[in-house]
Amino acid sequence: MNLPNSLTLLRVLMIPVMVLIFFSDISGRYLIAAAIFGAAAITDWLDGYLARRLGQGTSFGAFLDPVADKLMVSVAIIILIHELQSVPFTIAGCVIIAREIVVSALREWMAEIGERTSVRVSWLGKVKTTVQMISITVLLAIDPMAGGSWMLLILLGYALFMVAAVLTVWSMLLYLLAARKAVQNSESA
């Protein structure tokens, strides 16, 4: 167990803490849950950076890192679907979660046929992840019943989440096209 893998595992362990705090009665619960999610988002970047920088990449880390990311994001989206009770948000959240499942399965299948590099993380996937993490952090941080000046931040988080959903579909289509091309090339060879 090295430092990057420990950070990834910590991210998984932060999930139930975030859920318990979000649904508790403690003062500042929204902001604390958002801080936990934000810290998890930072460790998502940091563990990969450290693994490359320190030469501590492992097959366990390569497996656990995307799983931890998808678990944290999916749980946060489910919390927000419950909290916001908005049909458009629910649809966008389901699209994002479904995309994560499809792309994970696609990557596994492509690895089995020796074409994993055809569906590696793209720049669009990184942009999607960044927008998604910012939007979820903002939406977790603010009580949806808060009015006044908070409404502008809620609308910003909501708009960013919708942008993330569009980027999600776009990046999934690019992954599917890349996989299709790789399969066609391997079948014709």
N, C-alpha and C. Protein backbone atom coordinates (compact mmCIF):
# COMPACT_ATOMS: atom_id res chain seq x y z
N MET A 1 0.86 -1.18 0.00
CA MET A 1 0.00 0.00 0.00
C MET A 1 0.90 1.23 0.00
N ASN A 2 0.85 1.99 -1.09
CA ASN A 2 1.66 3.20 -1.19
C ASN A 2 0.78 4.44 -0.99
N LEU A 3 1.38 5.62 -1.05
CA LEU A 3 0.65 6.87 -0.80
C LEU A 3 -0.48 7.09 -1.82
N PRO A 4 -0.23 6.96 -3.12
CA PRO A 4 -1.34 7.17 -4.06
C PRO A 4 -2.51 6.21 -3.82
N ASN A 5 -2.23 4.95 -3.57
CA ASN A 5 -3.31 3.99 -3.30
C ASN A 5 -4.02 4.30 -1.99
N SER A 6 -3.28 4.78 -1.00
CA SER A 6 -3.89 5.16 0.28
C SER A 6 -4.86 6.33 0.08
N LEU A 7 -4.47 7.31 -0.75
CA LEU A 7 -5.36 8.44 -1.04
C LEU A 7 -6.63 7.97 -1.76
N THR A 8 -6.46 7.04 -2.67
CA THR A 8 -7.62 6.51 -3.40
C THR A 8 -8.55 5.78 -2.45
N LEU A 9 -7.99 4.95 -1.57
CA LEU A 9 -8.79 4.23 -0.59
C LEU A 9 -9.48 5.21 0.37
N LEU A 10 -8.78 6.27 0.75
CA LEU A 10 -9.37 7.29 1.60
C LEU A 10 -10.60 7.90 0.92
N ARG A 11 -10.51 8.11 -0.39
CA ARG A 11 -11.64 8.66 -1.14
C ARG A 11 -12.87 7.75 -1.02
N VAL A 12 -12.66 6.45 -1.09
CA VAL A 12 -13.77 5.51 -0.94
C VAL A 12 -14.35 5.59 0.48
N LEU A 13 -13.47 5.69 1.47
CA LEU A 13 -13.92 5.75 2.86
C LEU A 13 -14.63 7.07 3.19
N MET A 14 -14.39 8.10 2.40
CA MET A 14 -15.05 9.39 2.61
C MET A 14 -16.52 9.37 2.18
N ILE A 15 -16.90 8.42 1.36
CA ILE A 15 -18.27 8.38 0.83
C ILE A 15 -19.31 8.26 1.95
N PRO A 16 -19.23 7.24 2.83
CA PRO A 16 -20.26 7.17 3.88
C PRO A 16 -20.22 8.36 4.83
N VAL A 17 -19.04 8.91 5.05
CA VAL A 17 -18.94 10.10 5.92
C VAL A 17 -19.69 11.26 5.29
N MET A 18 -19.50 11.46 3.98
CA MET A 18 -20.21 12.53 3.28
C MET A 18 -21.72 12.34 3.37
N VAL A 19 -22.19 11.11 3.16
CA VAL A 19 -23.62 10.83 3.20
C VAL A 19 -24.18 11.08 4.60
N LEU A 20 -23.49 10.56 5.62
CA LEU A 20 -23.98 10.74 7.00
C LEU A 20 -24.04 12.21 7.39
N ILE A 21 -23.04 12.97 7.02
CA ILE A 21 -23.04 14.40 7.36
C ILE A 21 -24.13 15.13 6.59
N PHE A 22 -24.27 14.84 5.29
CA PHE A 22 -25.26 15.54 4.48
C PHE A 22 -26.66 15.36 5.04
N PHE A 23 -26.99 14.15 5.50
CA PHE A 23 -28.33 13.88 6.00
C PHE A 23 -28.47 14.05 7.51
N SER A 24 -27.44 14.58 8.15
CA SER A 24 -27.51 14.82 9.60
C SER A 24 -28.22 16.15 9.88
N ASP A 25 -28.33 16.46 11.15
CA ASP A 25 -28.94 17.73 11.56
C ASP A 25 -27.91 18.75 11.99
N ILE A 26 -26.63 18.47 11.77
CA ILE A 26 -25.61 19.39 12.26
C ILE A 26 -25.59 20.68 11.44
N SER A 27 -25.23 21.73 12.12
CA SER A 27 -25.13 23.02 11.46
C SER A 27 -24.00 22.99 10.43
N GLY A 28 -24.25 23.53 9.27
CA GLY A 28 -23.23 23.58 8.24
C GLY A 28 -23.07 22.28 7.48
N ARG A 29 -24.05 21.39 7.59
CA ARG A 29 -23.94 20.06 6.97
C ARG A 29 -23.72 20.12 5.47
N TYR A 30 -24.36 21.07 4.79
CA TYR A 30 -24.18 21.17 3.34
C TYR A 30 -22.75 21.54 2.99
N LEU A 31 -22.25 22.52 3.68
CA LEU A 31 -20.88 22.99 3.41
C LEU A 31 -19.85 21.91 3.76
N ILE A 32 -20.06 21.19 4.86
CA ILE A 32 -19.13 20.13 5.25
C ILE A 32 -19.15 19.00 4.22
N ALA A 33 -20.35 18.59 3.79
CA ALA A 33 -20.46 17.52 2.78
C ALA A 33 -19.78 17.96 1.48
N ALA A 34 -19.97 19.22 1.11
CA ALA A 34 -19.33 19.75 -0.11
C ALA A 34 -17.81 19.76 0.05
N ALA A 35 -17.34 20.11 1.24
CA ALA A 35 -15.89 20.13 1.49
C ALA A 35 -15.31 18.71 1.38
N ILE A 36 -16.04 17.74 1.90
CA ILE A 36 -15.59 16.34 1.79
C ILE A 36 -15.55 15.93 0.33
N PHE A 37 -16.60 16.27 -0.43
CA PHE A 37 -16.61 15.93 -1.85
C PHE A 37 -15.48 16.65 -2.58
N GLY A 38 -15.29 17.93 -2.28
CA GLY A 38 -14.21 18.69 -2.91
C GLY A 38 -12.84 18.10 -2.59
N ALA A 39 -12.65 17.69 -1.35
CA ALA A 39 -11.37 17.05 -0.97
C ALA A 39 -11.19 15.74 -1.73
N ALA A 40 -12.27 14.99 -1.90
CA ALA A 40 -12.19 13.75 -2.66
C ALA A 40 -11.84 14.04 -4.12
N ALA A 41 -12.41 15.10 -4.67
CA ALA A 41 -12.10 15.47 -6.06
C ALA A 41 -10.62 15.83 -6.20
N ILE A 42 -10.09 16.52 -5.21
CA ILE A 42 -8.67 16.88 -5.24
C ILE A 42 -7.80 15.63 -5.12
N THR A 43 -8.19 14.69 -4.25
CA THR A 43 -7.39 13.46 -4.13
C THR A 43 -7.45 12.64 -5.41
N ASP A 44 -8.54 12.78 -6.18
CA ASP A 44 -8.63 12.08 -7.46
C ASP A 44 -7.51 12.55 -8.39
N TRP A 45 -7.27 13.83 -8.39
CA TRP A 45 -6.17 14.36 -9.20
C TRP A 45 -4.82 14.03 -8.55
N LEU A 46 -4.73 14.22 -7.23
CA LEU A 46 -3.47 14.09 -6.51
C LEU A 46 -2.92 12.66 -6.53
N ASP A 47 -3.79 11.66 -6.36
CA ASP A 47 -3.27 10.29 -6.33
C ASP A 47 -2.67 9.89 -7.67
N GLY A 48 -3.28 10.32 -8.76
CA GLY A 48 -2.73 10.03 -10.09
C GLY A 48 -1.41 10.76 -10.32
N TYR A 49 -1.38 12.02 -9.90
CA TYR A 49 -0.15 12.81 -10.04
C TYR A 49 0.99 12.17 -9.25
N LEU A 50 0.71 11.80 -7.99
CA LEU A 50 1.75 11.20 -7.15
C LEU A 50 2.20 9.84 -7.69
N ALA A 51 1.26 9.06 -8.19
CA ALA A 51 1.62 7.74 -8.74
C ALA A 51 2.60 7.91 -9.90
N ARG A 52 2.33 8.90 -10.77
CA ARG A 52 3.24 9.13 -11.90
C ARG A 52 4.55 9.75 -11.43
N ARG A 53 4.48 10.76 -10.58
CA ARG A 53 5.66 11.50 -10.12
C ARG A 53 6.61 10.63 -9.30
N LEU A 54 6.03 9.79 -8.44
CA LEU A 54 6.85 8.95 -7.55
C LEU A 54 7.13 7.57 -8.15
N GLY A 55 6.59 7.32 -9.33
CA GLY A 55 6.77 6.01 -9.94
C GLY A 55 6.10 4.91 -9.14
N GLN A 56 4.93 5.24 -8.53
CA GLN A 56 4.25 4.27 -7.68
C GLN A 56 2.93 3.79 -8.27
N GLY A 57 2.82 3.81 -9.59
CA GLY A 57 1.63 3.28 -10.22
C GLY A 57 1.57 1.77 -10.04
N THR A 58 0.40 1.27 -9.69
CA THR A 58 0.21 -0.17 -9.51
C THR A 58 -1.04 -0.61 -10.24
N SER A 59 -1.14 -1.89 -10.50
CA SER A 59 -2.35 -2.40 -11.15
C SER A 59 -3.55 -2.25 -10.21
N PHE A 60 -3.33 -2.39 -8.90
CA PHE A 60 -4.42 -2.18 -7.94
C PHE A 60 -4.89 -0.73 -7.99
N GLY A 61 -3.96 0.21 -8.05
CA GLY A 61 -4.31 1.63 -8.14
C GLY A 61 -5.04 1.95 -9.44
N ALA A 62 -4.58 1.34 -10.54
CA ALA A 62 -5.23 1.55 -11.83
C ALA A 62 -6.67 1.03 -11.81
N PHE A 63 -6.92 -0.01 -11.03
CA PHE A 63 -8.28 -0.53 -10.88
C PHE A 63 -9.09 0.35 -9.93
N LEU A 64 -8.52 0.66 -8.75
CA LEU A 64 -9.28 1.33 -7.70
C LEU A 64 -9.59 2.79 -8.00
N ASP A 65 -8.68 3.50 -8.66
CA ASP A 65 -8.87 4.93 -8.89
C ASP A 65 -10.16 5.25 -9.65
N PRO A 66 -10.41 4.63 -10.81
CA PRO A 66 -11.67 4.96 -11.49
C PRO A 66 -12.90 4.47 -10.73
N VAL A 67 -12.76 3.37 -10.00
CA VAL A 67 -13.89 2.88 -9.21
C VAL A 67 -14.23 3.89 -8.10
N ALA A 68 -13.21 4.38 -7.41
CA ALA A 68 -13.42 5.36 -6.34
C ALA A 68 -14.08 6.62 -6.88
N ASP A 69 -13.61 7.08 -8.03
CA ASP A 69 -14.16 8.27 -8.66
C ASP A 69 -15.64 8.06 -9.00
N LYS A 70 -15.96 6.96 -9.63
CA LYS A 70 -17.33 6.70 -10.05
C LYS A 70 -18.26 6.50 -8.85
N LEU A 71 -17.77 5.85 -7.80
CA LEU A 71 -18.58 5.68 -6.60
C LEU A 71 -18.89 7.03 -5.95
N MET A 72 -17.87 7.86 -5.80
CA MET A 72 -18.05 9.15 -5.14
C MET A 72 -19.02 10.03 -5.94
N VAL A 73 -18.82 10.11 -7.24
CA VAL A 73 -19.69 10.94 -8.08
C VAL A 73 -21.11 10.38 -8.09
N SER A 74 -21.27 9.08 -8.24
CA SER A 74 -22.61 8.49 -8.30
C SER A 74 -23.37 8.71 -6.99
N VAL A 75 -22.71 8.50 -5.87
CA VAL A 75 -23.37 8.71 -4.58
C VAL A 75 -23.75 10.17 -4.41
N ALA A 76 -22.87 11.09 -4.77
CA ALA A 76 -23.19 12.52 -4.66
C ALA A 76 -24.38 12.88 -5.55
N ILE A 77 -24.41 12.35 -6.76
CA ILE A 77 -25.54 12.63 -7.65
C ILE A 77 -26.84 12.07 -7.06
N ILE A 78 -26.79 10.88 -6.50
CA ILE A 78 -28.00 10.30 -5.89
C ILE A 78 -28.48 11.16 -4.73
N ILE A 79 -27.56 11.65 -3.92
CA ILE A 79 -27.92 12.56 -2.82
C ILE A 79 -28.62 13.80 -3.38
N LEU A 80 -28.03 14.38 -4.43
CA LEU A 80 -28.59 15.61 -5.00
C LEU A 80 -29.93 15.36 -5.69
N ILE A 81 -30.09 14.20 -6.32
CA ILE A 81 -31.40 13.86 -6.91
C ILE A 81 -32.45 13.84 -5.80
N HIS A 82 -32.12 13.23 -4.68
CA HIS A 82 -33.05 13.19 -3.54
C HIS A 82 -33.33 14.59 -3.01
N GLU A 83 -32.30 15.38 -2.88
CA GLU A 83 -32.42 16.70 -2.27
C GLU A 83 -33.14 17.71 -3.18
N LEU A 84 -32.79 17.71 -4.45
CA LEU A 84 -33.33 18.73 -5.36
C LEU A 84 -34.71 18.36 -5.90
N GLN A 85 -34.99 17.08 -6.02
CA GLN A 85 -36.28 16.60 -6.53
C GLN A 85 -36.70 17.35 -7.79
N SER A 86 -35.81 17.35 -8.76
CA SER A 86 -36.02 18.03 -10.03
C SER A 86 -35.94 16.99 -11.14
N VAL A 87 -36.95 16.95 -11.99
CA VAL A 87 -36.96 15.98 -13.08
C VAL A 87 -35.79 16.21 -14.04
N PRO A 88 -35.53 17.45 -14.50
CA PRO A 88 -34.38 17.64 -15.40
C PRO A 88 -33.05 17.23 -14.75
N PHE A 89 -32.88 17.56 -13.47
CA PHE A 89 -31.65 17.18 -12.77
C PHE A 89 -31.56 15.66 -12.66
N THR A 90 -32.66 15.01 -12.35
CA THR A 90 -32.69 13.55 -12.23
C THR A 90 -32.31 12.89 -13.55
N ILE A 91 -32.87 13.40 -14.64
CA ILE A 91 -32.54 12.83 -15.96
C ILE A 91 -31.05 13.03 -16.25
N ALA A 92 -30.54 14.24 -16.03
CA ALA A 92 -29.12 14.51 -16.27
C ALA A 92 -28.25 13.63 -15.37
N GLY A 93 -28.63 13.46 -14.11
CA GLY A 93 -27.88 12.61 -13.19
C GLY A 93 -27.87 11.16 -13.63
N CYS A 94 -29.02 10.67 -14.09
CA CYS A 94 -29.09 9.29 -14.59
C CYS A 94 -28.24 9.11 -15.84
N VAL A 95 -28.22 10.13 -16.70
CA VAL A 95 -27.38 10.07 -17.90
C VAL A 95 -25.91 9.96 -17.51
N ILE A 96 -25.49 10.78 -16.54
CA ILE A 96 -24.09 10.77 -16.12
C ILE A 96 -23.72 9.41 -15.50
N ILE A 97 -24.56 8.89 -14.63
CA ILE A 97 -24.28 7.60 -14.00
C ILE A 97 -24.28 6.48 -15.06
N ALA A 98 -25.25 6.51 -15.98
CA ALA A 98 -25.31 5.49 -17.03
C ALA A 98 -24.07 5.54 -17.90
N ARG A 99 -23.60 6.73 -18.23
CA ARG A 99 -22.40 6.87 -19.06
C ARG A 99 -21.20 6.24 -18.36
N GLU A 100 -21.08 6.47 -17.06
CA GLU A 100 -19.96 5.90 -16.32
C GLU A 100 -19.98 4.37 -16.38
N ILE A 101 -21.16 3.80 -16.30
CA ILE A 101 -21.27 2.33 -16.37
C ILE A 101 -20.91 1.86 -17.78
N VAL A 102 -21.45 2.52 -18.79
CA VAL A 102 -21.19 2.12 -20.18
C VAL A 102 -19.71 2.24 -20.50
N VAL A 103 -19.08 3.36 -20.16
CA VAL A 103 -17.67 3.57 -20.49
C VAL A 103 -16.78 2.60 -19.71
N SER A 104 -17.12 2.31 -18.46
CA SER A 104 -16.34 1.34 -17.69
C SER A 104 -16.42 -0.04 -18.33
N ALA A 105 -17.62 -0.45 -18.71
CA ALA A 105 -17.78 -1.75 -19.37
C ALA A 105 -17.06 -1.76 -20.71
N LEU A 106 -17.13 -0.67 -21.44
CA LEU A 106 -16.46 -0.56 -22.73
C LEU A 106 -14.95 -0.69 -22.57
N ARG A 107 -14.40 0.00 -21.57
CA ARG A 107 -12.95 -0.09 -21.33
C ARG A 107 -12.55 -1.51 -20.98
N GLU A 108 -13.35 -2.17 -20.16
CA GLU A 108 -13.04 -3.57 -19.78
C GLU A 108 -13.07 -4.47 -21.01
N TRP A 109 -14.09 -4.31 -21.83
CA TRP A 109 -14.21 -5.13 -23.03
C TRP A 109 -13.06 -4.85 -24.00
N MET A 110 -12.72 -3.58 -24.17
CA MET A 110 -11.63 -3.22 -25.08
C MET A 110 -10.30 -3.78 -24.57
N ALA A 111 -10.13 -3.81 -23.26
CA ALA A 111 -8.91 -4.39 -22.69
C ALA A 111 -8.85 -5.89 -23.00
N GLU A 112 -9.99 -6.54 -22.92
CA GLU A 112 -10.03 -7.98 -23.21
C GLU A 112 -9.64 -8.30 -24.64
N ILE A 113 -9.94 -7.39 -25.57
CA ILE A 113 -9.59 -7.66 -26.96
C ILE A 113 -8.29 -6.96 -27.37
N GLY A 114 -7.56 -6.45 -26.36
CA GLY A 114 -6.25 -5.85 -26.60
C GLY A 114 -6.27 -4.46 -27.20
N GLU A 115 -7.37 -3.73 -27.00
CA GLU A 115 -7.52 -2.39 -27.59
C GLU A 115 -7.80 -1.32 -26.53
N ARG A 116 -7.32 -1.53 -25.30
CA ARG A 116 -7.62 -0.59 -24.22
C ARG A 116 -7.18 0.83 -24.54
N THR A 117 -6.06 0.98 -25.24
CA THR A 117 -5.57 2.34 -25.53
C THR A 117 -6.52 3.09 -26.46
N SER A 118 -7.40 2.39 -27.14
CA SER A 118 -8.38 3.05 -28.02
C SER A 118 -9.41 3.85 -27.24
N VAL A 119 -9.60 3.51 -25.97
CA VAL A 119 -10.61 4.19 -25.16
C VAL A 119 -10.02 4.77 -23.88
N ARG A 120 -8.77 5.25 -23.97
CA ARG A 120 -8.19 5.89 -22.78
C ARG A 120 -8.82 7.27 -22.58
N VAL A 121 -8.62 7.82 -21.40
CA VAL A 121 -9.23 9.10 -21.03
C VAL A 121 -8.79 10.19 -22.00
N SER A 122 -9.77 10.93 -22.51
CA SER A 122 -9.50 11.99 -23.48
C SER A 122 -9.53 13.35 -22.78
N TRP A 123 -9.13 14.38 -23.51
CA TRP A 123 -9.20 15.74 -22.98
C TRP A 123 -10.64 16.11 -22.67
N LEU A 124 -11.59 15.64 -23.49
CA LEU A 124 -13.00 15.94 -23.25
C LEU A 124 -13.48 15.29 -21.96
N GLY A 125 -13.01 14.07 -21.71
CA GLY A 125 -13.36 13.40 -20.46
C GLY A 125 -12.84 14.16 -19.26
N LYS A 126 -11.66 14.75 -19.39
CA LYS A 126 -11.09 15.53 -18.29
C LYS A 126 -11.88 16.83 -18.07
N VAL A 127 -12.29 17.47 -19.15
CA VAL A 127 -13.10 18.69 -19.04
C VAL A 127 -14.44 18.34 -18.40
N LYS A 128 -15.06 17.24 -18.87
CA LYS A 128 -16.34 16.79 -18.31
C LYS A 128 -16.21 16.55 -16.81
N THR A 129 -15.15 15.87 -16.42
CA THR A 129 -14.95 15.56 -15.00
C THR A 129 -14.78 16.84 -14.19
N THR A 130 -14.01 17.79 -14.70
CA THR A 130 -13.79 19.04 -13.98
C THR A 130 -15.10 19.81 -13.79
N VAL A 131 -15.87 19.96 -14.86
CA VAL A 131 -17.15 20.68 -14.77
C VAL A 131 -18.09 19.94 -13.82
N GLN A 132 -18.12 18.64 -13.93
CA GLN A 132 -18.97 17.81 -13.07
C GLN A 132 -18.60 17.98 -11.60
N MET A 133 -17.31 17.92 -11.29
CA MET A 133 -16.87 18.04 -9.89
C MET A 133 -17.20 19.42 -9.32
N ILE A 134 -16.99 20.46 -10.12
CA ILE A 134 -17.31 21.82 -9.65
C ILE A 134 -18.80 21.95 -9.41
N SER A 135 -19.62 21.49 -10.36
CA SER A 135 -21.07 21.62 -10.21
C SER A 135 -21.58 20.86 -8.99
N ILE A 136 -21.11 19.64 -8.80
CA ILE A 136 -21.57 18.84 -7.66
C ILE A 136 -21.14 19.48 -6.35
N THR A 137 -19.93 19.98 -6.29
CA THR A 137 -19.45 20.65 -5.06
C THR A 137 -20.32 21.85 -4.74
N VAL A 138 -20.61 22.67 -5.74
CA VAL A 138 -21.46 23.85 -5.53
C VAL A 138 -22.85 23.44 -5.06
N LEU A 139 -23.44 22.45 -5.71
CA LEU A 139 -24.80 22.04 -5.36
C LEU A 139 -24.87 21.37 -3.99
N LEU A 140 -23.83 20.66 -3.60
CA LEU A 140 -23.81 20.07 -2.26
C LEU A 140 -23.67 21.14 -1.18
N ALA A 141 -23.01 22.23 -1.49
CA ALA A 141 -22.66 23.25 -0.49
C ALA A 141 -23.82 24.12 -0.03
N ILE A 142 -24.88 24.18 -0.82
CA ILE A 142 -25.93 25.15 -0.54
C ILE A 142 -27.27 24.46 -0.33
N ASP A 143 -27.95 24.85 0.74
CA ASP A 143 -29.29 24.36 1.00
C ASP A 143 -30.18 24.80 -0.17
N PRO A 144 -30.85 23.85 -0.85
CA PRO A 144 -31.66 24.23 -2.00
C PRO A 144 -32.84 25.14 -1.64
N MET A 145 -33.16 25.20 -0.37
CA MET A 145 -34.24 26.08 0.07
C MET A 145 -33.74 27.49 0.39
N ALA A 146 -32.43 27.67 0.37
CA ALA A 146 -31.86 28.99 0.62
C ALA A 146 -32.24 29.91 -0.54
N GLY A 147 -32.70 31.04 -0.22
CA GLY A 147 -33.10 31.98 -1.27
C GLY A 147 -32.08 33.09 -1.39
N GLY A 148 -32.53 34.18 -1.89
CA GLY A 148 -31.70 35.37 -1.98
C GLY A 148 -30.49 35.20 -2.87
N SER A 149 -29.36 35.69 -2.38
CA SER A 149 -28.14 35.67 -3.18
C SER A 149 -27.61 34.26 -3.41
N TRP A 150 -28.02 33.30 -2.57
CA TRP A 150 -27.59 31.92 -2.77
C TRP A 150 -28.18 31.31 -4.03
N MET A 151 -29.33 31.84 -4.44
CA MET A 151 -30.02 31.30 -5.62
C MET A 151 -29.14 31.38 -6.86
N LEU A 152 -28.34 32.43 -6.97
CA LEU A 152 -27.46 32.57 -8.13
C LEU A 152 -26.42 31.44 -8.18
N LEU A 153 -25.86 31.08 -7.02
CA LEU A 153 -24.91 29.97 -6.96
C LEU A 153 -25.57 28.63 -7.26
N ILE A 154 -26.78 28.46 -6.75
CA ILE A 154 -27.52 27.23 -7.04
C ILE A 154 -27.78 27.11 -8.54
N LEU A 155 -28.19 28.20 -9.16
CA LEU A 155 -28.43 28.18 -10.61
C LEU A 155 -27.15 27.93 -11.39
N LEU A 156 -26.03 28.49 -10.91
CA LEU A 156 -24.74 28.25 -11.55
C LEU A 156 -24.37 26.76 -11.46
N GLY A 157 -24.51 26.19 -10.27
CA GLY A 157 -24.21 24.76 -10.09
C GLY A 157 -25.10 23.89 -10.95
N TYR A 158 -26.37 24.26 -11.02
CA TYR A 158 -27.34 23.52 -11.83
C TYR A 158 -26.97 23.60 -13.31
N ALA A 159 -26.65 24.82 -13.77
CA ALA A 159 -26.27 25.01 -15.18
C ALA A 159 -25.00 24.23 -15.52
N LEU A 160 -24.01 24.28 -14.63
CA LEU A 160 -22.78 23.53 -14.85
C LEU A 160 -23.05 22.03 -14.89
N PHE A 161 -23.98 21.57 -14.07
CA PHE A 161 -24.32 20.15 -14.07
C PHE A 161 -24.94 19.75 -15.42
N MET A 162 -25.78 20.62 -15.97
CA MET A 162 -26.38 20.34 -17.28
C MET A 162 -25.31 20.34 -18.37
N VAL A 163 -24.34 21.25 -18.28
CA VAL A 163 -23.21 21.25 -19.21
C VAL A 163 -22.43 19.93 -19.08
N ALA A 164 -22.21 19.50 -17.84
CA ALA A 164 -21.51 18.23 -17.61
C ALA A 164 -22.28 17.07 -18.24
N ALA A 165 -23.60 17.10 -18.16
CA ALA A 165 -24.41 16.03 -18.76
C ALA A 165 -24.25 16.01 -20.28
N VAL A 166 -24.22 17.18 -20.90
CA VAL A 166 -24.02 17.26 -22.34
C VAL A 166 -22.62 16.75 -22.70
N LEU A 167 -21.62 17.18 -21.95
CA LEU A 167 -20.25 16.71 -22.19
C LEU A 167 -20.13 15.20 -21.98
N THR A 168 -20.92 14.70 -21.05
CA THR A 168 -20.95 13.27 -20.76
C THR A 168 -21.41 12.48 -21.98
N VAL A 169 -22.50 12.92 -22.58
CA VAL A 169 -23.02 12.23 -23.77
C VAL A 169 -22.02 12.36 -24.92
N TRP A 170 -21.48 13.55 -25.10
CA TRP A 170 -20.51 13.78 -26.17
C TRP A 170 -19.29 12.86 -26.02
N SER A 171 -18.73 12.84 -24.80
CA SER A 171 -17.53 12.00 -24.59
C SER A 171 -17.86 10.52 -24.74
N MET A 172 -19.04 10.11 -24.30
CA MET A 172 -19.42 8.70 -24.46
C MET A 172 -19.51 8.34 -25.94
N LEU A 173 -20.09 9.21 -26.74
CA LEU A 173 -20.18 8.95 -28.18
C LEU A 173 -18.79 8.84 -28.80
N LEU A 174 -17.87 9.69 -28.37
CA LEU A 174 -16.50 9.61 -28.88
C LEU A 174 -15.84 8.29 -28.49
N TYR A 175 -16.06 7.84 -27.25
CA TYR A 175 -15.52 6.55 -26.82
C TYR A 175 -16.12 5.41 -27.64
N LEU A 176 -17.42 5.46 -27.87
CA LEU A 176 -18.07 4.40 -28.64
C LEU A 176 -17.58 4.38 -30.09
N LEU A 177 -17.38 5.57 -30.67
CA LEU A 177 -16.85 5.63 -32.04
C LEU A 177 -15.42 5.09 -32.10
N ALA A 178 -14.61 5.44 -31.11
CA ALA A 178 -13.22 4.94 -31.07
C ALA A 178 -13.22 3.42 -30.92
N ALA A 179 -14.10 2.91 -30.08
CA ALA A 179 -14.18 1.45 -29.89
C ALA A 179 -14.65 0.77 -31.17
N ARG A 180 -15.62 1.36 -31.82
CA ARG A 180 -16.12 0.78 -33.08
C ARG A 180 -15.01 0.71 -34.11
N LYS A 181 -14.26 1.80 -34.22
CA LYS A 181 -13.15 1.83 -35.20
C LYS A 181 -12.09 0.79 -34.83
N ALA A 182 -11.77 0.66 -33.55
CA ALA A 182 -10.76 -0.33 -33.12
C ALA A 182 -11.23 -1.75 -33.40
N VAL A 183 -12.51 -2.02 -33.17
CA VAL A 183 -13.05 -3.36 -33.42
C VAL A 183 -13.03 -3.65 -34.91
N GLN A 184 -13.44 -2.67 -35.72
CA GLN A 184 -13.42 -2.86 -37.18
C GLN A 184 -12.00 -3.11 -37.68
N ASN A 185 -11.03 -2.36 -37.15
CA ASN A 185 -9.64 -2.55 -37.56
C ASN A 185 -9.12 -3.92 -37.16
N SER A 186 -9.48 -4.38 -35.95
CA SER A 186 -8.98 -5.69 -35.51
C SER A 186 -9.65 -6.83 -36.27
N GLU A 187 -10.89 -6.64 -36.67
CA GLU A 187 -11.59 -7.69 -37.43
C GLU A 187 -11.10 -7.78 -38.87
N SER A 188 -10.67 -6.64 -39.43
CA SER A 188 -10.21 -6.66 -40.81
C SER A 188 -8.73 -7.07 -40.93
N ALA A 189 -8.03 -7.09 -39.79
CA ALA A 189 -6.60 -7.45 -39.83
C ALA A 189 -6.38 -8.94 -39.89
